[in-house]
């Protein structure tokens, strides 16, 4: 659903999920309820469950929320990251450099997910982390929809590097500003290809 491997609007068959996952009906239904809460599926009583549509009109609202919360998370990450978390950032920077050469978009998305989650973890605020995860998942579906048409991936890589360096070095104001620019540019990049 996140990677759009199940197409938006596709029917989610409970019985097939139970067999594929080796789970009973109750855990599968609980998982589907949670996915509905996260807006990844739509449950229609007595009709079934469908994979939610990717609504690019949600981009503005998602971006507004991310512009308010993610820069704050970056600031907190720069202030609160442990020495181990700061050291891990060097690994992310090295991965970014390797990916810049490879231009593998799917791998870039996976790195982006891990990178953002690391930043949120560095903020040491579980409520902020949970909120950002929810909005990131919805944003990710839009990102995957347009990924092949986005031209400024190199710029995004550079933004990530500046952001990570600011967090690693404890420069809270720079980290906050870099994240704000990154979120705004993400929305612009997506809108440019819609």
N, C-alpha and C. Protein backbone atom coordinates (compact mmCIF):
# COMPACT_ATOMS: atom_id res chain seq x y z
N UNK A 1 0.83 -1.19 0.00
CA UNK A 1 0.00 0.00 0.00
C UNK A 1 0.87 1.25 0.00
N UNK A 2 1.90 1.23 0.85
CA UNK A 2 2.79 2.39 0.90
C UNK A 2 3.53 2.57 -0.41
N UNK A 3 4.02 1.48 -0.96
CA UNK A 3 4.82 1.55 -2.18
C UNK A 3 3.96 1.49 -3.44
N UNK A 4 2.65 1.52 -3.26
CA UNK A 4 1.68 1.47 -4.35
C UNK A 4 1.76 0.15 -5.11
N UNK A 5 2.26 -0.92 -4.46
CA UNK A 5 2.26 -2.23 -5.08
C UNK A 5 0.84 -2.79 -5.13
N UNK A 6 0.02 -2.41 -4.16
CA UNK A 6 -1.42 -2.64 -4.23
C UNK A 6 -2.01 -1.33 -4.72
N UNK A 7 -2.58 -1.36 -5.88
CA UNK A 7 -3.04 -0.13 -6.52
C UNK A 7 -4.15 0.54 -5.71
N UNK A 8 -4.15 1.87 -5.68
CA UNK A 8 -5.26 2.58 -5.05
C UNK A 8 -6.58 2.11 -5.66
N UNK A 9 -7.54 1.82 -4.79
CA UNK A 9 -8.84 1.34 -5.25
C UNK A 9 -8.93 -0.18 -5.31
N UNK A 10 -7.80 -0.87 -5.16
CA UNK A 10 -7.80 -2.34 -5.21
C UNK A 10 -8.53 -2.90 -3.99
N UNK A 11 -9.21 -4.00 -4.20
CA UNK A 11 -9.92 -4.68 -3.12
C UNK A 11 -8.90 -5.44 -2.27
N UNK A 12 -9.03 -5.30 -0.95
CA UNK A 12 -8.18 -6.04 -0.02
C UNK A 12 -8.99 -7.24 0.45
N UNK A 13 -8.53 -8.42 0.11
CA UNK A 13 -9.23 -9.65 0.43
C UNK A 13 -8.74 -10.18 1.78
N UNK A 14 -9.61 -10.18 2.78
CA UNK A 14 -9.24 -10.63 4.12
C UNK A 14 -8.75 -12.07 4.12
N UNK A 15 -9.46 -12.93 3.42
CA UNK A 15 -9.11 -14.35 3.40
C UNK A 15 -7.72 -14.56 2.79
N UNK A 16 -7.42 -13.85 1.69
CA UNK A 16 -6.09 -13.97 1.08
C UNK A 16 -5.00 -13.47 2.03
N UNK A 17 -5.29 -12.39 2.74
CA UNK A 17 -4.33 -11.88 3.72
C UNK A 17 -4.09 -12.90 4.83
N UNK A 18 -5.16 -13.51 5.31
CA UNK A 18 -5.03 -14.51 6.37
C UNK A 18 -4.13 -15.65 5.92
N UNK A 19 -4.36 -16.13 4.69
CA UNK A 19 -3.56 -17.25 4.18
C UNK A 19 -2.12 -16.83 3.92
N UNK A 20 -1.93 -15.67 3.31
CA UNK A 20 -0.58 -15.21 2.97
C UNK A 20 0.26 -14.95 4.21
N UNK A 21 -0.37 -14.43 5.26
CA UNK A 21 0.36 -14.06 6.47
C UNK A 21 0.33 -15.15 7.55
N UNK A 22 -0.52 -16.16 7.34
CA UNK A 22 -0.62 -17.22 8.34
C UNK A 22 -1.25 -16.73 9.63
N UNK A 23 -2.17 -15.79 9.52
CA UNK A 23 -2.82 -15.22 10.69
C UNK A 23 -4.31 -15.54 10.69
N UNK A 24 -4.91 -15.42 11.85
CA UNK A 24 -6.35 -15.62 11.97
C UNK A 24 -7.11 -14.35 11.58
N UNK A 25 -8.41 -14.48 11.59
CA UNK A 25 -9.27 -13.37 11.18
C UNK A 25 -9.12 -12.15 12.09
N UNK A 26 -9.07 -12.35 13.41
CA UNK A 26 -9.01 -11.22 14.34
C UNK A 26 -7.77 -10.35 14.13
N UNK A 27 -6.55 -10.90 14.05
CA UNK A 27 -5.39 -10.03 13.83
C UNK A 27 -5.45 -9.29 12.49
N UNK A 28 -5.97 -9.97 11.47
CA UNK A 28 -6.07 -9.32 10.15
C UNK A 28 -7.07 -8.17 10.21
N UNK A 29 -8.19 -8.39 10.85
CA UNK A 29 -9.19 -7.31 10.96
C UNK A 29 -8.67 -6.15 11.80
N UNK A 30 -7.95 -6.46 12.87
CA UNK A 30 -7.35 -5.39 13.69
C UNK A 30 -6.34 -4.59 12.87
N UNK A 31 -5.55 -5.29 12.07
CA UNK A 31 -4.57 -4.60 11.22
C UNK A 31 -5.28 -3.71 10.20
N UNK A 32 -6.36 -4.21 9.62
CA UNK A 32 -7.11 -3.40 8.64
C UNK A 32 -7.75 -2.19 9.30
N UNK A 33 -8.23 -2.35 10.53
CA UNK A 33 -8.78 -1.19 11.25
C UNK A 33 -7.70 -0.13 11.47
N UNK A 34 -6.51 -0.60 11.83
CA UNK A 34 -5.41 0.35 12.04
C UNK A 34 -5.04 1.04 10.73
N UNK A 35 -4.99 0.28 9.65
CA UNK A 35 -4.69 0.87 8.34
C UNK A 35 -5.77 1.88 7.95
N UNK A 36 -7.00 1.61 8.33
CA UNK A 36 -8.08 2.57 8.06
C UNK A 36 -7.87 3.84 8.87
N UNK A 37 -7.46 3.70 10.12
CA UNK A 37 -7.17 4.87 10.96
C UNK A 37 -6.04 5.69 10.35
N UNK A 38 -5.07 5.01 9.74
CA UNK A 38 -3.93 5.69 9.12
C UNK A 38 -4.23 6.15 7.69
N UNK A 39 -5.48 5.97 7.26
CA UNK A 39 -5.96 6.41 5.95
C UNK A 39 -5.32 5.66 4.77
N UNK A 40 -4.90 4.44 5.02
CA UNK A 40 -4.30 3.65 3.95
C UNK A 40 -5.31 2.71 3.29
N UNK A 41 -6.38 2.39 4.00
CA UNK A 41 -7.48 1.63 3.42
C UNK A 41 -8.79 2.29 3.81
N UNK A 42 -9.82 1.97 3.04
CA UNK A 42 -11.17 2.45 3.35
C UNK A 42 -12.04 1.21 3.54
N UNK A 43 -12.71 1.14 4.68
CA UNK A 43 -13.54 -0.01 5.00
C UNK A 43 -14.99 0.36 4.76
N UNK A 44 -15.65 -0.47 3.95
CA UNK A 44 -17.07 -0.27 3.66
C UNK A 44 -17.82 -1.47 4.22
N UNK A 45 -18.60 -1.26 5.30
CA UNK A 45 -19.33 -2.38 5.91
C UNK A 45 -20.16 -3.14 4.88
N UNK A 46 -20.07 -4.45 4.96
CA UNK A 46 -20.79 -5.38 4.09
C UNK A 46 -20.40 -5.27 2.62
N UNK A 47 -19.39 -4.46 2.31
CA UNK A 47 -18.95 -4.37 0.91
C UNK A 47 -17.48 -4.72 0.76
N UNK A 48 -16.69 -4.46 1.79
CA UNK A 48 -15.28 -4.82 1.71
C UNK A 48 -14.34 -3.68 2.04
N UNK A 49 -13.08 -3.95 1.83
CA UNK A 49 -12.03 -2.99 2.13
C UNK A 49 -11.26 -2.69 0.85
N UNK A 50 -11.00 -1.41 0.63
CA UNK A 50 -10.27 -0.98 -0.56
C UNK A 50 -9.02 -0.21 -0.15
N UNK A 51 -7.98 -0.31 -0.96
CA UNK A 51 -6.79 0.51 -0.76
C UNK A 51 -7.19 1.95 -1.04
N UNK A 52 -6.85 2.85 -0.14
CA UNK A 52 -7.22 4.26 -0.30
C UNK A 52 -6.59 4.86 -1.54
N UNK A 53 -7.31 5.79 -2.12
CA UNK A 53 -6.79 6.52 -3.27
C UNK A 53 -5.66 7.44 -2.80
N UNK A 54 -4.74 7.72 -3.71
CA UNK A 54 -3.69 8.71 -3.44
C UNK A 54 -4.27 10.04 -3.88
N UNK A 55 -4.46 10.93 -2.93
CA UNK A 55 -5.10 12.20 -3.23
C UNK A 55 -4.06 13.32 -3.21
N UNK A 56 -3.66 13.75 -4.41
CA UNK A 56 -2.65 14.81 -4.48
C UNK A 56 -3.18 16.13 -3.94
N UNK A 57 -4.49 16.25 -3.81
CA UNK A 57 -5.06 17.47 -3.22
C UNK A 57 -4.73 17.56 -1.73
N UNK A 58 -4.35 16.43 -1.14
CA UNK A 58 -3.93 16.43 0.27
C UNK A 58 -2.54 17.01 0.45
N UNK A 59 -1.82 17.20 -0.65
CA UNK A 59 -0.43 17.66 -0.57
C UNK A 59 -0.29 18.96 0.21
N UNK A 60 -1.17 19.92 -0.04
CA UNK A 60 -1.07 21.21 0.66
C UNK A 60 -1.22 21.04 2.17
N UNK A 61 -2.23 20.31 2.58
CA UNK A 61 -2.45 20.10 4.01
C UNK A 61 -1.32 19.34 4.66
N UNK A 62 -0.83 18.30 3.98
CA UNK A 62 0.28 17.53 4.52
C UNK A 62 1.53 18.40 4.64
N UNK A 63 1.77 19.21 3.62
CA UNK A 63 2.94 20.09 3.64
C UNK A 63 2.85 21.13 4.74
N UNK A 64 1.66 21.66 4.96
CA UNK A 64 1.49 22.64 6.05
C UNK A 64 1.86 22.03 7.40
N UNK A 65 1.39 20.82 7.63
CA UNK A 65 1.68 20.15 8.90
C UNK A 65 3.18 19.86 9.00
N UNK A 66 3.74 19.32 7.92
CA UNK A 66 5.17 19.00 7.94
C UNK A 66 6.02 20.27 8.13
N UNK A 67 5.60 21.39 7.52
CA UNK A 67 6.37 22.63 7.67
C UNK A 67 6.36 23.14 9.10
N UNK A 68 5.33 22.80 9.85
CA UNK A 68 5.27 23.23 11.25
C UNK A 68 6.05 22.28 12.17
N UNK A 69 5.93 20.98 11.91
CA UNK A 69 6.47 20.02 12.87
C UNK A 69 7.89 19.55 12.53
N UNK A 70 8.17 19.28 11.26
CA UNK A 70 9.49 18.71 10.93
C UNK A 70 10.65 19.65 11.23
N UNK A 71 10.55 20.96 10.96
CA UNK A 71 11.67 21.83 11.35
C UNK A 71 11.90 21.82 12.86
N UNK A 72 10.82 21.75 13.63
CA UNK A 72 10.96 21.66 15.09
C UNK A 72 11.65 20.36 15.48
N UNK A 73 11.32 19.28 14.79
CA UNK A 73 11.97 17.99 15.07
C UNK A 73 13.46 18.07 14.75
N UNK A 74 13.80 18.73 13.66
CA UNK A 74 15.22 18.87 13.29
C UNK A 74 15.96 19.70 14.33
N UNK A 75 15.32 20.76 14.80
CA UNK A 75 15.94 21.59 15.85
C UNK A 75 16.19 20.75 17.11
N UNK A 76 15.16 20.03 17.54
CA UNK A 76 15.31 19.19 18.73
C UNK A 76 16.36 18.10 18.52
N UNK A 77 16.41 17.55 17.31
CA UNK A 77 17.41 16.52 17.02
C UNK A 77 18.81 17.08 17.18
N UNK A 78 19.04 18.29 16.69
CA UNK A 78 20.36 18.92 16.83
C UNK A 78 20.70 19.18 18.29
N UNK A 79 19.69 19.46 19.08
CA UNK A 79 19.91 19.75 20.50
C UNK A 79 20.04 18.49 21.35
N UNK A 80 19.31 17.42 20.97
CA UNK A 80 19.17 16.26 21.87
C UNK A 80 19.84 14.97 21.41
N UNK A 81 20.31 14.91 20.19
CA UNK A 81 20.88 13.66 19.68
C UNK A 81 22.00 13.17 20.58
N UNK A 82 22.02 11.87 20.81
CA UNK A 82 23.09 11.27 21.61
C UNK A 82 24.36 11.20 20.76
N UNK A 83 25.50 11.00 21.38
CA UNK A 83 26.73 10.84 20.60
C UNK A 83 26.62 9.69 19.58
N UNK A 84 25.97 8.60 19.95
CA UNK A 84 25.80 7.47 19.03
C UNK A 84 24.93 7.87 17.84
N UNK A 85 23.86 8.62 18.10
CA UNK A 85 22.99 9.07 17.01
C UNK A 85 23.73 10.03 16.09
N UNK A 86 24.56 10.89 16.65
CA UNK A 86 25.35 11.82 15.82
C UNK A 86 26.34 11.05 14.94
N UNK A 87 26.94 10.02 15.51
CA UNK A 87 27.88 9.20 14.74
C UNK A 87 27.17 8.48 13.60
N UNK A 88 25.96 8.00 13.86
CA UNK A 88 25.17 7.30 12.82
C UNK A 88 24.89 8.21 11.64
N UNK A 89 24.82 9.51 11.87
CA UNK A 89 24.55 10.46 10.79
C UNK A 89 25.65 10.39 9.72
N UNK A 90 26.89 10.15 10.13
CA UNK A 90 27.97 10.02 9.14
C UNK A 90 27.69 8.87 8.18
N UNK A 91 27.09 7.80 8.67
CA UNK A 91 26.71 6.69 7.80
C UNK A 91 25.65 7.09 6.79
N UNK A 92 24.69 7.90 7.23
CA UNK A 92 23.67 8.40 6.30
C UNK A 92 24.30 9.28 5.22
N UNK A 93 25.23 10.13 5.62
CA UNK A 93 25.90 11.01 4.66
C UNK A 93 26.66 10.19 3.63
N UNK A 94 27.36 9.15 4.07
CA UNK A 94 28.09 8.28 3.15
C UNK A 94 27.12 7.59 2.18
N UNK A 95 25.98 7.15 2.68
CA UNK A 95 24.97 6.53 1.81
C UNK A 95 24.44 7.52 0.78
N UNK A 96 24.21 8.76 1.21
CA UNK A 96 23.74 9.79 0.27
C UNK A 96 24.74 9.97 -0.86
N UNK A 97 26.02 9.99 -0.54
CA UNK A 97 27.05 10.17 -1.56
C UNK A 97 27.07 9.01 -2.54
N UNK A 98 26.92 7.78 -2.04
CA UNK A 98 26.87 6.62 -2.93
C UNK A 98 25.65 6.67 -3.83
N UNK A 99 24.51 7.06 -3.26
CA UNK A 99 23.28 7.11 -4.04
C UNK A 99 23.31 8.21 -5.09
N UNK A 100 24.00 9.29 -4.82
CA UNK A 100 24.09 10.38 -5.80
C UNK A 100 24.70 9.86 -7.10
N UNK A 101 25.61 8.92 -6.99
CA UNK A 101 26.23 8.33 -8.18
C UNK A 101 25.31 7.31 -8.84
N UNK A 102 24.62 6.51 -8.05
CA UNK A 102 23.80 5.42 -8.57
C UNK A 102 22.49 5.89 -9.17
N UNK A 103 21.91 6.94 -8.63
CA UNK A 103 20.63 7.49 -9.08
C UNK A 103 19.50 6.44 -9.02
N UNK A 104 19.52 5.61 -8.03
CA UNK A 104 18.50 4.59 -7.84
C UNK A 104 17.38 5.20 -7.01
N UNK A 105 16.27 5.53 -7.67
CA UNK A 105 15.19 6.27 -7.02
C UNK A 105 14.54 5.49 -5.88
N UNK A 106 14.32 4.21 -6.07
CA UNK A 106 13.67 3.40 -5.02
C UNK A 106 14.56 3.30 -3.78
N UNK A 107 15.85 3.14 -4.00
CA UNK A 107 16.78 3.08 -2.87
C UNK A 107 16.84 4.43 -2.18
N UNK A 108 16.76 5.49 -2.95
CA UNK A 108 16.74 6.84 -2.39
C UNK A 108 15.53 7.02 -1.47
N UNK A 109 14.38 6.52 -1.89
CA UNK A 109 13.17 6.61 -1.07
C UNK A 109 13.37 5.85 0.25
N UNK A 110 13.95 4.66 0.16
CA UNK A 110 14.18 3.88 1.38
C UNK A 110 15.13 4.60 2.32
N UNK A 111 16.18 5.21 1.75
CA UNK A 111 17.11 5.98 2.57
C UNK A 111 16.41 7.19 3.17
N UNK A 112 15.58 7.86 2.39
CA UNK A 112 14.84 9.02 2.88
C UNK A 112 13.99 8.63 4.09
N UNK A 113 13.32 7.48 4.00
CA UNK A 113 12.51 7.01 5.13
C UNK A 113 13.37 6.81 6.37
N UNK A 114 14.47 6.09 6.22
CA UNK A 114 15.33 5.81 7.36
C UNK A 114 15.93 7.09 7.93
N UNK A 115 16.30 8.00 7.05
CA UNK A 115 16.90 9.26 7.47
C UNK A 115 15.91 10.11 8.28
N UNK A 116 14.70 10.27 7.75
CA UNK A 116 13.69 11.05 8.48
C UNK A 116 13.37 10.40 9.83
N UNK A 117 13.23 9.09 9.83
CA UNK A 117 12.92 8.40 11.09
C UNK A 117 14.06 8.56 12.09
N UNK A 118 15.29 8.58 11.60
CA UNK A 118 16.43 8.79 12.50
C UNK A 118 16.38 10.20 13.10
N UNK A 119 16.06 11.17 12.28
CA UNK A 119 15.96 12.55 12.77
C UNK A 119 14.89 12.64 13.85
N UNK A 120 13.73 12.04 13.60
CA UNK A 120 12.65 12.08 14.59
C UNK A 120 13.08 11.39 15.88
N UNK A 121 13.78 10.27 15.75
CA UNK A 121 14.25 9.56 16.95
C UNK A 121 15.26 10.42 17.72
N UNK A 122 16.08 11.17 17.00
CA UNK A 122 17.06 12.05 17.65
C UNK A 122 16.39 13.17 18.43
N UNK A 123 15.16 13.51 18.06
CA UNK A 123 14.43 14.57 18.77
C UNK A 123 13.98 14.10 20.15
N UNK A 124 13.92 12.80 20.35
CA UNK A 124 13.54 12.22 21.65
C UNK A 124 12.19 12.74 22.14
N UNK A 125 11.21 12.69 21.23
CA UNK A 125 9.84 13.07 21.56
C UNK A 125 8.92 12.09 20.84
N UNK A 126 8.44 11.09 21.56
CA UNK A 126 7.66 10.02 20.94
C UNK A 126 6.35 10.51 20.33
N UNK A 127 5.77 11.56 20.88
CA UNK A 127 4.51 12.08 20.33
C UNK A 127 4.77 12.74 18.97
N UNK A 128 5.83 13.52 18.91
CA UNK A 128 6.21 14.15 17.65
C UNK A 128 6.57 13.07 16.62
N UNK A 129 7.29 12.07 17.06
CA UNK A 129 7.71 10.99 16.17
C UNK A 129 6.50 10.26 15.59
N UNK A 130 5.52 9.95 16.42
CA UNK A 130 4.31 9.26 15.96
C UNK A 130 3.51 10.10 14.98
N UNK A 131 3.39 11.38 15.28
CA UNK A 131 2.65 12.29 14.39
C UNK A 131 3.34 12.40 13.04
N UNK A 132 4.65 12.57 13.06
CA UNK A 132 5.39 12.71 11.81
C UNK A 132 5.35 11.43 10.99
N UNK A 133 5.38 10.29 11.65
CA UNK A 133 5.28 9.02 10.93
C UNK A 133 3.97 8.93 10.16
N UNK A 134 2.89 9.31 10.81
CA UNK A 134 1.57 9.27 10.17
C UNK A 134 1.53 10.15 8.92
N UNK A 135 2.06 11.35 9.03
CA UNK A 135 2.02 12.26 7.89
C UNK A 135 3.04 11.87 6.82
N UNK A 136 4.16 11.31 7.24
CA UNK A 136 5.17 10.89 6.27
C UNK A 136 4.62 9.78 5.37
N UNK A 137 3.92 8.83 5.97
CA UNK A 137 3.35 7.72 5.20
C UNK A 137 2.42 8.24 4.11
N UNK A 138 1.58 9.19 4.44
CA UNK A 138 0.66 9.76 3.45
C UNK A 138 1.42 10.53 2.38
N UNK A 139 2.45 11.25 2.79
CA UNK A 139 3.27 12.00 1.84
C UNK A 139 4.04 11.05 0.93
N UNK A 140 4.51 9.96 1.49
CA UNK A 140 5.29 8.99 0.73
C UNK A 140 4.49 8.44 -0.45
N UNK A 141 3.23 8.19 -0.25
CA UNK A 141 2.39 7.66 -1.34
C UNK A 141 2.31 8.66 -2.49
N UNK A 142 2.23 9.94 -2.18
CA UNK A 142 2.21 10.96 -3.23
C UNK A 142 3.58 11.00 -3.92
N UNK A 143 4.64 10.95 -3.13
CA UNK A 143 6.00 10.99 -3.65
C UNK A 143 6.23 9.84 -4.63
N UNK A 144 5.78 8.62 -4.27
CA UNK A 144 5.96 7.46 -5.14
C UNK A 144 5.17 7.60 -6.44
N UNK A 145 4.07 8.28 -6.38
CA UNK A 145 3.23 8.49 -7.56
C UNK A 145 3.94 9.32 -8.62
N UNK A 146 4.78 10.27 -8.20
CA UNK A 146 5.41 11.20 -9.14
C UNK A 146 6.92 11.01 -9.26
N UNK A 147 7.49 10.08 -8.54
CA UNK A 147 8.94 9.96 -8.42
C UNK A 147 9.66 9.93 -9.77
N UNK A 148 9.18 9.17 -10.70
CA UNK A 148 9.85 9.05 -11.99
C UNK A 148 9.90 10.34 -12.79
N UNK A 149 9.07 11.30 -12.43
CA UNK A 149 9.01 12.56 -13.18
C UNK A 149 9.71 13.71 -12.49
N UNK A 150 10.16 13.52 -11.25
CA UNK A 150 10.82 14.60 -10.51
C UNK A 150 12.25 14.74 -11.01
N UNK A 151 12.64 15.97 -11.31
CA UNK A 151 13.95 16.21 -11.91
C UNK A 151 15.01 16.63 -10.92
N UNK A 152 14.66 17.10 -9.74
CA UNK A 152 15.63 17.73 -8.85
C UNK A 152 16.08 16.82 -7.71
N UNK A 153 16.33 15.56 -8.00
CA UNK A 153 16.75 14.64 -6.95
C UNK A 153 18.13 15.00 -6.40
N UNK A 154 19.02 15.49 -7.25
CA UNK A 154 20.36 15.88 -6.79
C UNK A 154 20.26 16.98 -5.74
N UNK A 155 19.36 17.93 -5.98
CA UNK A 155 19.16 19.02 -5.03
C UNK A 155 18.67 18.49 -3.68
N UNK A 156 17.76 17.53 -3.74
CA UNK A 156 17.24 16.93 -2.50
C UNK A 156 18.37 16.24 -1.74
N UNK A 157 19.27 15.58 -2.46
CA UNK A 157 20.40 14.93 -1.81
C UNK A 157 21.28 15.95 -1.09
N UNK A 158 21.52 17.08 -1.73
CA UNK A 158 22.34 18.13 -1.11
C UNK A 158 21.64 18.70 0.12
N UNK A 159 20.32 18.87 0.04
CA UNK A 159 19.57 19.38 1.19
C UNK A 159 19.67 18.42 2.37
N UNK A 160 19.56 17.13 2.09
CA UNK A 160 19.67 16.14 3.16
C UNK A 160 21.05 16.22 3.81
N UNK A 161 22.07 16.38 3.00
CA UNK A 161 23.43 16.44 3.55
C UNK A 161 23.57 17.64 4.49
N UNK A 162 23.13 18.82 4.05
CA UNK A 162 23.23 20.02 4.88
C UNK A 162 22.43 19.85 6.17
N UNK A 163 21.27 19.26 6.07
CA UNK A 163 20.42 19.00 7.23
C UNK A 163 21.11 18.06 8.22
N UNK A 164 21.63 16.96 7.70
CA UNK A 164 22.29 15.98 8.56
C UNK A 164 23.53 16.56 9.23
N UNK A 165 24.31 17.32 8.48
CA UNK A 165 25.51 17.92 9.06
C UNK A 165 25.15 18.89 10.18
N UNK A 166 24.08 19.66 9.98
CA UNK A 166 23.66 20.61 11.02
C UNK A 166 23.23 19.87 12.28
N UNK A 167 22.50 18.78 12.12
CA UNK A 167 22.08 17.99 13.29
C UNK A 167 23.29 17.37 13.97
N UNK A 168 24.14 16.75 13.17
CA UNK A 168 25.34 16.10 13.74
C UNK A 168 26.20 17.09 14.53
N UNK A 169 26.32 18.31 13.99
CA UNK A 169 27.19 19.31 14.60
C UNK A 169 26.49 20.12 15.69
N UNK A 170 25.20 19.83 15.95
CA UNK A 170 24.48 20.52 17.01
C UNK A 170 24.07 21.94 16.67
N UNK A 171 23.97 22.25 15.38
CA UNK A 171 23.57 23.60 14.95
C UNK A 171 22.05 23.61 14.75
N UNK A 172 21.34 23.86 15.84
CA UNK A 172 19.89 23.73 15.87
C UNK A 172 19.18 24.66 14.89
N UNK A 173 19.59 25.93 14.85
CA UNK A 173 18.93 26.89 13.95
C UNK A 173 19.14 26.49 12.49
N UNK A 174 20.35 26.06 12.15
CA UNK A 174 20.63 25.61 10.78
C UNK A 174 19.83 24.36 10.43
N UNK A 175 19.72 23.44 11.37
CA UNK A 175 18.95 22.21 11.14
C UNK A 175 17.48 22.54 10.89
N UNK A 176 16.95 23.43 11.71
CA UNK A 176 15.55 23.83 11.56
C UNK A 176 15.32 24.47 10.19
N UNK A 177 16.19 25.37 9.79
CA UNK A 177 16.06 26.05 8.50
C UNK A 177 16.22 25.09 7.34
N UNK A 178 17.18 24.17 7.44
CA UNK A 178 17.41 23.21 6.36
C UNK A 178 16.20 22.29 6.17
N UNK A 179 15.59 21.89 7.28
CA UNK A 179 14.40 21.03 7.17
C UNK A 179 13.24 21.80 6.56
N UNK A 180 13.07 23.04 6.95
CA UNK A 180 11.99 23.85 6.40
C UNK A 180 12.14 23.96 4.88
N UNK A 181 13.34 24.29 4.43
CA UNK A 181 13.61 24.40 2.98
C UNK A 181 13.34 23.07 2.30
N UNK A 182 13.76 21.98 2.91
CA UNK A 182 13.57 20.65 2.34
C UNK A 182 12.09 20.33 2.16
N UNK A 183 11.28 20.59 3.16
CA UNK A 183 9.85 20.28 3.08
C UNK A 183 9.16 21.16 2.04
N UNK A 184 9.50 22.44 2.01
CA UNK A 184 8.91 23.35 1.02
C UNK A 184 9.31 22.94 -0.39
N UNK A 185 10.59 22.62 -0.59
CA UNK A 185 11.05 22.22 -1.92
C UNK A 185 10.44 20.89 -2.36
N UNK A 186 10.19 20.00 -1.41
CA UNK A 186 9.52 18.75 -1.74
C UNK A 186 8.16 19.04 -2.37
N UNK A 187 7.38 19.90 -1.72
CA UNK A 187 6.06 20.23 -2.25
C UNK A 187 6.18 20.87 -3.63
N UNK A 188 7.11 21.79 -3.79
CA UNK A 188 7.31 22.44 -5.09
C UNK A 188 7.67 21.43 -6.18
N UNK A 189 8.55 20.49 -5.85
CA UNK A 189 8.97 19.48 -6.82
C UNK A 189 7.79 18.63 -7.27
N UNK A 190 6.95 18.25 -6.33
CA UNK A 190 5.79 17.42 -6.66
C UNK A 190 4.81 18.23 -7.50
N UNK A 191 4.54 19.46 -7.10
CA UNK A 191 3.59 20.29 -7.85
C UNK A 191 4.08 20.56 -9.28
N UNK A 192 5.38 20.64 -9.46
CA UNK A 192 5.93 20.92 -10.78
C UNK A 192 5.63 19.83 -11.80
N UNK A 193 5.40 18.61 -11.32
CA UNK A 193 5.14 17.51 -12.26
C UNK A 193 3.68 17.08 -12.29
N UNK A 194 2.84 17.74 -11.50
CA UNK A 194 1.41 17.39 -11.50
C UNK A 194 0.67 18.10 -12.62
